[in-house]
Amino acid sequence: MRLTPPLLLAALLPLLGGCQMLADKPVDPLVGTIRMQGVLSAAGGQLLFTPCTESRRFVVNDAGDTGVLQEAANLADKGGDSLFADLRGKLGGGSQAGSDGQFDVQRLYRIETSASACSDPNFKQLTLHASGHGPDWDVKASGKGMVLERAGQAPLALPFLEEQMPGGRLSLSSEANEQRIELWLAPQRCVDSASGAVHHLQAELRVDGQTLHGCGYYGGSRVD
């Protein structure tokens, strides 16, 4: 059967619509990226990233508009001797003198003044870490449970339930030991009030009728 022009156009419309839908499908900027921890330094007017346990240096390019360049400058201005960064991005070759390529950063998890973060023995086992001040508190979560530490009290090891919510928010809760403990986390820039460290999660701990605020970040065993 021969299709007349109007019928041919009608037959092609569904195909054209499907092509348009494929063309408009958003591309995840995190596809093909890797998460790396390392040390930041400045040289020749550029910010360089040296992965932990390596000697290679990569020029930092803030491809994801994470603010890593400004955050590093702010911490350096406060007198930090060594800047640690936990970042996700893509490594690529480059011709910049004094470097081994370029690190296109898409996500910033943490940046802080620290000379020992690269050797943290607990990082790879953690799924989440959150802490705050006034009073001081600290929560470490892993596949084995979570440990709550508060100023003047013994550490409390608890099982917990994790819930994912819209907008990338998380909730960790426990009702063990006749207590209800809740840790709420939201993906938003957070600055530690004591150290000036910048984390990618805002945290809120609710325990014993108190609501305590702080910051948090994903641990090394969490796939995000």
C-alpha atoms as a PDB file:
ATOM      1  CA  MET A   1       0.000   0.000   0.000  1.00  0.00           C
ATOM      2  CA  ARG A   2       1.334   3.411  -0.980  1.00  0.00           C
ATOM      3  CA  LEU A   3       1.149   6.140   1.677  1.00  0.00           C
ATOM      4  CA  THR A   4       0.085   9.584   0.608  1.00  0.00           C
ATOM      5  CA  PRO A   5       2.041  12.535   2.096  1.00  0.00           C
ATOM      6  CA  PRO A   6      -0.518  13.266   4.869  1.00  0.00           C
ATOM      7  CA  LEU A   7      -0.624   9.591   5.841  1.00  0.00           C
ATOM      8  CA  LEU A   8       3.187   9.360   5.717  1.00  0.00           C
ATOM      9  CA  LEU A   9       3.501  12.343   8.063  1.00  0.00           C
ATOM     10  CA  ALA A  10       0.978  10.799  10.465  1.00  0.00           C
ATOM     11  CA  ALA A  11       2.958   7.549  10.457  1.00  0.00           C
ATOM     12  CA  LEU A  12       6.233   9.350  11.203  1.00  0.00           C
ATOM     13  CA  LEU A  13       4.928  11.503  14.084  1.00  0.00           C
ATOM     14  CA  PRO A  14       5.250   8.772  16.765  1.00  0.00           C
ATOM     15  CA  LEU A  15       8.814   8.054  15.606  1.00  0.00           C
ATOM     16  CA  LEU A  16       9.746  11.729  15.648  1.00  0.00           C
ATOM     17  CA  GLY A  17       8.249  12.093  19.118  1.00  0.00           C
ATOM     18  CA  GLY A  18      10.262   9.122  20.337  1.00  0.00           C
ATOM     19  CA  CYS A  19      13.477  10.579  18.920  1.00  0.00           C
ATOM     20  CA  GLN A  20      12.746  13.874  20.644  1.00  0.00           C
ATOM     21  CA  MET A  21      12.228  12.109  23.970  1.00  0.00           C
ATOM     22  CA  LEU A  22      15.561  10.328  23.559  1.00  0.00           C
ATOM     23  CA  ALA A  23      17.305  13.567  22.642  1.00  0.00           C
ATOM     24  CA  ASP A  24      15.889  15.362  25.679  1.00  0.00           C
ATOM     25  CA  LYS A  25      16.812  12.612  28.172  1.00  0.00           C
ATOM     26  CA  PRO A  26      19.044  14.261  30.795  1.00  0.00           C
ATOM     27  CA  VAL A  27      22.605  13.035  31.138  1.00  0.00           C
ATOM     28  CA  ASP A  28      23.739  12.247  34.682  1.00  0.00           C
ATOM     29  CA  PRO A  29      26.920  14.301  35.242  1.00  0.00           C
ATOM     30  CA  LEU A  30      28.136  11.714  37.790  1.00  0.00           C
ATOM     31  CA  VAL A  31      28.277   8.867  35.254  1.00  0.00           C
ATOM     32  CA  GLY A  32      31.884   7.781  34.806  1.00  0.00           C
ATOM     33  CA  THR A  33      33.106   9.683  37.858  1.00  0.00           C
ATOM     34  CA  ILE A  34      35.147   8.361  40.773  1.00  0.00           C
ATOM     35  CA  ARG A  35      35.273   9.431  44.396  1.00  0.00           C
ATOM     36  CA  MET A  36      38.722  10.313  45.671  1.00  0.00           C
ATOM     37  CA  GLN A  37      40.271  11.661  48.845  1.00  0.00           C
ATOM     38  CA  GLY A  38      43.455  13.665  48.859  1.00  0.00           C
ATOM     39  CA  VAL A  39      45.379  16.817  49.671  1.00  0.00           C
ATOM     40  CA  LEU A  40      44.898  20.228  48.086  1.00  0.00           C
ATOM     41  CA  SER A  41      47.735  22.638  47.434  1.00  0.00           C
ATOM     42  CA  ALA A  42      48.293  25.793  45.398  1.00  0.00           C
ATOM     43  CA  ALA A  43      51.003  26.287  42.780  1.00  0.00           C
ATOM     44  CA  GLY A  44      51.339  28.614  39.820  1.00  0.00           C
ATOM     45  CA  GLY A  45      47.976  30.209  40.456  1.00  0.00           C
ATOM     46  CA  GLN A  46      46.193  26.846  40.271  1.00  0.00           C
ATOM     47  CA  LEU A  47      44.658  24.490  42.827  1.00  0.00           C
ATOM     48  CA  LEU A  48      46.216  21.023  42.725  1.00  0.00           C
ATOM     49  CA  PHE A  49      44.806  17.743  44.050  1.00  0.00           C
ATOM     50  CA  THR A  50      47.110  14.913  45.183  1.00  0.00           C
ATOM     51  CA  PRO A  51      45.244  11.639  45.882  1.00  0.00           C
ATOM     52  CA  CYS A  52      45.980   9.949  49.212  1.00  0.00           C
ATOM     53  CA  THR A  53      49.005   7.586  49.039  1.00  0.00           C
ATOM     54  CA  GLU A  54      49.987   8.974  45.610  1.00  0.00           C
ATOM     55  CA  SER A  55      52.439  11.534  44.309  1.00  0.00           C
ATOM     56  CA  ARG A  56      50.504  12.513  41.174  1.00  0.00           C
ATOM     57  CA  ARG A  57      49.084  16.023  41.097  1.00  0.00           C
ATOM     58  CA  PHE A  58      46.007  17.094  39.141  1.00  0.00           C
ATOM     59  CA  VAL A  59      44.821  20.600  38.356  1.00  0.00           C
ATOM     60  CA  VAL A  60      41.372  21.083  39.901  1.00  0.00           C
ATOM     61  CA  ASN A  61      38.637  22.188  37.499  1.00  0.00           C
ATOM     62  CA  ASP A  62      35.297  22.905  39.180  1.00  0.00           C
ATOM     63  CA  ALA A  63      33.179  21.329  36.430  1.00  0.00           C
ATOM     64  CA  GLY A  64      30.144  20.874  38.684  1.00  0.00           C
ATOM     65  CA  ASP A  65      30.106  24.365  40.199  1.00  0.00           C
ATOM     66  CA  THR A  66      30.806  22.878  43.646  1.00  0.00           C
ATOM     67  CA  GLY A  67      32.627  25.924  45.014  1.00  0.00           C
ATOM     68  CA  VAL A  68      35.739  23.859  45.812  1.00  0.00           C
ATOM     69  CA  LEU A  69      38.126  26.602  44.658  1.00  0.00           C
ATOM     70  CA  GLN A  70      36.570  29.235  46.918  1.00  0.00           C
ATOM     71  CA  GLU A  71      36.184  26.829  49.841  1.00  0.00           C
ATOM     72  CA  ALA A  72      39.883  25.923  49.628  1.00  0.00           C
ATOM     73  CA  ALA A  73      40.868  29.590  49.461  1.00  0.00           C
ATOM     74  CA  ASN A  74      38.730  30.398  52.509  1.00  0.00           C
ATOM     75  CA  LEU A  75      40.273  27.628  54.612  1.00  0.00           C
ATOM     76  CA  ALA A  76      43.788  28.507  53.465  1.00  0.00           C
ATOM     77  CA  ASP A  77      43.213  32.119  54.542  1.00  0.00           C
ATOM     78  CA  LYS A  78      42.462  30.839  58.053  1.00  0.00           C
ATOM     79  CA  GLY A  79      45.960  29.431  58.326  1.00  0.00           C
ATOM     80  CA  GLY A  80      45.403  25.768  57.478  1.00  0.00           C
ATOM     81  CA  ASP A  81      48.693  23.930  56.987  1.00  0.00           C
ATOM     82  CA  SER A  82      47.238  21.017  55.019  1.00  0.00           C
ATOM     83  CA  LEU A  83      43.872  20.891  53.264  1.00  0.00           C
ATOM     84  CA  PHE A  84      42.112  17.535  52.910  1.00  0.00           C
ATOM     85  CA  ALA A  85      39.358  17.102  50.326  1.00  0.00           C
ATOM     86  CA  ASP A  86      36.857  14.339  49.573  1.00  0.00           C
ATOM     87  CA  LEU A  87      35.657  14.829  45.998  1.00  0.00           C
ATOM     88  CA  ARG A  88      33.954  13.091  43.082  1.00  0.00           C
ATOM     89  CA  GLY A  89      34.871  13.774  39.473  1.00  0.00           C
ATOM     90  CA  LYS A  90      36.722  12.635  36.377  1.00  0.00           C
ATOM     91  CA  LEU A  91      40.470  12.387  35.898  1.00  0.00           C
ATOM     92  CA  GLY A  92      41.819  13.406  32.546  1.00  0.00           C
ATOM     93  CA  GLY A  93      45.066  14.141  30.817  1.00  0.00           C
ATOM     94  CA  GLY A  94      46.385  17.653  30.470  1.00  0.00           C
ATOM     95  CA  SER A  95      49.347  19.658  29.319  1.00  0.00           C
ATOM     96  CA  GLN A  96      49.637  21.962  32.333  1.00  0.00           C
ATOM     97  CA  ALA A  97      53.201  22.236  33.519  1.00  0.00           C
ATOM     98  CA  GLY A  98      53.883  20.701  36.915  1.00  0.00           C
ATOM     99  CA  SER A  99      50.811  18.435  36.876  1.00  0.00           C
ATOM    100  CA  ASP A 100      49.792  14.956  35.764  1.00  0.00           C
ATOM    101  CA  GLY A 101      46.452  15.987  34.303  1.00  0.00           C
ATOM    102  CA  GLN A 102      43.162  17.542  35.311  1.00  0.00           C
ATOM    103  CA  PHE A 103      40.525  16.583  37.882  1.00  0.00           C
ATOM    104  CA  ASP A 104      37.061  17.717  36.760  1.00  0.00           C
ATOM    105  CA  VAL A 105      35.219  17.937  40.096  1.00  0.00           C
ATOM    106  CA  GLN A 106      31.466  17.254  40.058  1.00  0.00           C
ATOM    107  CA  ARG A 107      30.716  16.859  43.773  1.00  0.00           C
ATOM    108  CA  LEU A 108      32.265  18.078  47.015  1.00  0.00           C
ATOM    109  CA  TYR A 109      31.711  15.873  50.075  1.00  0.00           C
ATOM    110  CA  ARG A 110      34.152  17.424  52.498  1.00  0.00           C
ATOM    111  CA  ILE A 111      37.033  19.876  52.701  1.00  0.00           C
ATOM    112  CA  GLU A 112      38.862  20.566  55.937  1.00  0.00           C
ATOM    113  CA  THR A 113      42.174  21.454  57.533  1.00  0.00           C
ATOM    114  CA  SER A 114      43.744  18.121  58.432  1.00  0.00           C
ATOM    115  CA  ALA A 115      47.104  16.390  58.215  1.00  0.00           C
ATOM    116  CA  SER A 116      45.742  12.945  59.133  1.00  0.00           C
ATOM    117  CA  ALA A 117      42.414  12.483  57.286  1.00  0.00           C
ATOM    118  CA  CYS A 118      44.105  10.444  54.544  1.00  0.00           C
ATOM    119  CA  SER A 119      45.058   7.835  57.145  1.00  0.00           C
ATOM    120  CA  ASP A 120      41.669   7.663  58.915  1.00  0.00           C
ATOM    121  CA  PRO A 121      41.236   3.908  59.633  1.00  0.00           C
ATOM    122  CA  ASN A 122      37.438   4.154  60.022  1.00  0.00           C
ATOM    123  CA  PHE A 123      36.494   6.035  56.855  1.00  0.00           C
ATOM    124  CA  LYS A 124      36.180   3.035  54.526  1.00  0.00           C
ATOM    125  CA  GLN A 125      33.845   1.185  56.918  1.00  0.00           C
ATOM    126  CA  LEU A 126      31.454   4.091  57.507  1.00  0.00           C
ATOM    127  CA  THR A 127      28.275   4.844  55.606  1.00  0.00           C
ATOM    128  CA  LEU A 128      27.668   8.171  57.360  1.00  0.00           C
ATOM    129  CA  HIS A 129      29.415  10.448  59.834  1.00  0.00           C
ATOM    130  CA  ALA A 130      27.770  13.449  61.507  1.00  0.00           C
ATOM    131  CA  SER A 131      28.802  15.695  64.377  1.00  0.00           C
ATOM    132  CA  GLY A 132      28.037  19.006  66.039  1.00  0.00           C
ATOM    133  CA  HIS A 133      28.761  21.272  68.967  1.00  0.00           C
ATOM    134  CA  GLY A 134      27.032  22.955  71.896  1.00  0.00           C
ATOM    135  CA  PRO A 135      27.132  20.344  73.397  1.00  0.00           C
ATOM    136  CA  ASP A 136      29.537  18.206  71.378  1.00  0.00           C
ATOM    137  CA  TRP A 137      28.062  15.110  69.744  1.00  0.00           C
ATOM    138  CA  ASP A 138      29.170  12.575  67.140  1.00  0.00           C
ATOM    139  CA  VAL A 139      27.403   9.795  65.204  1.00  0.00           C
ATOM    140  CA  LYS A 140      29.173   7.144  63.138  1.00  0.00           C
ATOM    141  CA  ALA A 141      27.021   4.741  61.105  1.00  0.00           C
ATOM    142  CA  SER A 142      28.081   1.558  59.331  1.00  0.00           C
ATOM    143  CA  GLY A 143      26.664  -1.794  58.308  1.00  0.00           C
ATOM    144  CA  LYS A 144      27.083  -2.953  61.905  1.00  0.00           C
ATOM    145  CA  GLY A 145      24.988  -0.177  63.470  1.00  0.00           C
ATOM    146  CA  MET A 146      25.636   3.323  64.701  1.00  0.00           C
ATOM    147  CA  VAL A 147      27.605   4.725  67.622  1.00  0.00           C
ATOM    148  CA  LEU A 148      26.419   7.888  69.362  1.00  0.00           C
ATOM    149  CA  GLU A 149      28.893   9.859  71.442  1.00  0.00           C
ATOM    150  CA  ARG A 150      27.957  12.873  73.554  1.00  0.00           C
ATOM    151  CA  ALA A 151      30.008  15.074  75.848  1.00  0.00           C
ATOM    152  CA  GLY A 152      30.176  13.637  79.358  1.00  0.00           C
ATOM    153  CA  GLN A 153      28.448  10.351  78.422  1.00  0.00           C
ATOM    154  CA  ALA A 154      29.635   6.870  77.501  1.00  0.00           C
ATOM    155  CA  PRO A 155      29.434   5.898  73.795  1.00  0.00           C
ATOM    156  CA  LEU A 156      26.117   4.271  72.878  1.00  0.00           C
ATOM    157  CA  ALA A 157      26.066   1.516  70.222  1.00  0.00           C
ATOM    158  CA  LEU A 158      22.652   1.114  68.561  1.00  0.00           C
ATOM    159  CA  PRO A 159      20.936  -0.685  65.679  1.00  0.00           C
ATOM    160  CA  PHE A 160      19.181   1.718  63.313  1.00  0.00           C
ATOM    161  CA  LEU A 161      16.721   2.001  60.468  1.00  0.00           C
ATOM    162  CA  GLU A 162      17.623   4.178  57.486  1.00  0.00           C
ATOM    163  CA  GLU A 163      14.961   5.830  55.361  1.00  0.00           C
ATOM    164  CA  GLN A 164      15.458   7.642  52.057  1.00  0.00           C
ATOM    165  CA  MET A 165      13.259  10.643  51.409  1.00  0.00           C
ATOM    166  CA  PRO A 166      12.648  12.997  48.477  1.00  0.00           C
ATOM    167  CA  GLY A 167      15.316  15.531  47.654  1.00  0.00           C
ATOM    168  CA  GLY A 168      18.191  13.319  48.769  1.00  0.00           C
ATOM    169  CA  ARG A 169      17.305  13.586  52.473  1.00  0.00           C
ATOM    170  CA  LEU A 170      18.013  10.743  54.898  1.00  0.00           C
ATOM    171  CA  SER A 171      16.733   9.656  58.277  1.00  0.00           C
ATOM    172  CA  LEU A 172      18.485   7.284  60.702  1.00  0.00           C
ATOM    173  CA  SER A 173      16.414   6.221  63.683  1.00  0.00           C
ATOM    174  CA  SER A 174      16.699   3.848  66.630  1.00  0.00           C
ATOM    175  CA  GLU A 175      14.365   2.928  69.478  1.00  0.00           C
ATOM    176  CA  ALA A 176      16.739   0.713  71.435  1.00  0.00           C
ATOM    177  CA  ASN A 177      17.342   1.088  75.187  1.00  0.00           C
ATOM    178  CA  GLU A 178      13.907   2.710  75.622  1.00  0.00           C
ATOM    179  CA  GLN A 179      15.134   5.767  73.757  1.00  0.00           C
ATOM    180  CA  ARG A 180      14.140   7.169  70.393  1.00  0.00           C
ATOM    181  CA  ILE A 181      17.089   8.659  68.606  1.00  0.00           C
ATOM    182  CA  GLU A 182      16.735  10.304  65.207  1.00  0.00           C
ATOM    183  CA  LEU A 183      19.390  11.686  62.896  1.00  0.00           C
ATOM    184  CA  TRP A 184      18.130  13.757  59.958  1.00  0.00           C
ATOM    185  CA  LEU A 185      20.413  14.719  57.085  1.00  0.00           C
ATOM    186  CA  ALA A 186      19.780  17.009  54.122  1.00  0.00           C
ATOM    187  CA  PRO A 187      22.038  17.682  51.104  1.00  0.00           C
ATOM    188  CA  GLN A 188      23.088  21.246  51.821  1.00  0.00           C
ATOM    189  CA  ARG A 189      26.420  22.989  52.398  1.00  0.00           C
ATOM    190  CA  CYS A 190      27.275  22.971  56.091  1.00  0.00           C
ATOM    191  CA  VAL A 191      30.188  24.591  57.916  1.00  0.00           C
ATOM    192  CA  ASP A 192      31.476  23.113  61.167  1.00  0.00           C
ATOM    193  CA  SER A 193      31.260  25.893  63.745  1.00  0.00           C
ATOM    194  CA  ALA A 194      34.463  24.817  65.499  1.00  0.00           C
ATOM    195  CA  SER A 195      36.849  23.786  62.730  1.00  0.00           C
ATOM    196  CA  GLY A 196      35.488  25.626  59.699  1.00  0.00           C
ATOM    197  CA  ALA A 197      35.354  22.336  57.759  1.00  0.00           C
ATOM    198  CA  VAL A 198      32.813  22.283  54.927  1.00  0.00           C
ATOM    199  CA  HIS A 199      30.565  19.207  54.577  1.00  0.00           C
ATOM    200  CA  HIS A 200      27.880  18.408  52.014  1.00  0.00           C
ATOM    201  CA  LEU A 201      25.145  17.481  54.518  1.00  0.00           C
ATOM    202  CA  GLN A 202      23.317  19.409  57.198  1.00  0.00           C
ATOM    203  CA  ALA A 203      22.550  17.247  60.227  1.00  0.00           C
ATOM    204  CA  GLU A 204      20.011  17.365  63.027  1.00  0.00           C
ATOM    205  CA  LEU A 205      20.143  14.984  65.993  1.00  0.00           C
ATOM    206  CA  ARG A 206      17.037  14.507  68.148  1.00  0.00           C
ATOM    207  CA  VAL A 207      17.629  12.696  71.433  1.00  0.00           C
ATOM    208  CA  ASP A 208      16.387  12.983  75.036  1.00  0.00           C
ATOM    209  CA  GLY A 209      14.057  15.843  74.101  1.00  0.00           C
ATOM    210  CA  GLN A 210      16.932  17.848  72.624  1.00  0.00           C
ATOM    211  CA  THR A 211      17.480  18.916  69.033  1.00  0.00           C
ATOM    212  CA  LEU A 212      21.154  19.344  68.203  1.00  0.00           C
ATOM    213  CA  HIS A 213      22.542  20.705  64.952  1.00  0.00           C
ATOM    214  CA  GLY A 214      25.662  19.854  63.024  1.00  0.00           C
ATOM    215  CA  CYS A 215      27.133  18.666  59.734  1.00  0.00           C
ATOM    216  CA  GLY A 216      27.691  15.309  58.058  1.00  0.00           C
ATOM    217  CA  TYR A 217      29.147  13.471  55.084  1.00  0.00           C
ATOM    218  CA  TYR A 218      28.923  10.072  53.378  1.00  0.00           C
ATOM    219  CA  GLY A 219      31.415   7.471  54.537  1.00  0.00           C
ATOM    220  CA  GLY A 220      33.647   5.486  52.214  1.00  0.00           C
ATOM    221  CA  SER A 221      31.397   2.404  52.110  1.00  0.00           C
ATOM    222  CA  ARG A 222      28.353   4.303  50.848  1.00  0.00           C
ATOM    223  CA  VAL A 223      27.570   4.103  47.135  1.00  0.00           C
ATOM    224  CA  ASP A 224      25.887   7.359  46.127  1.00  0.00           C
END
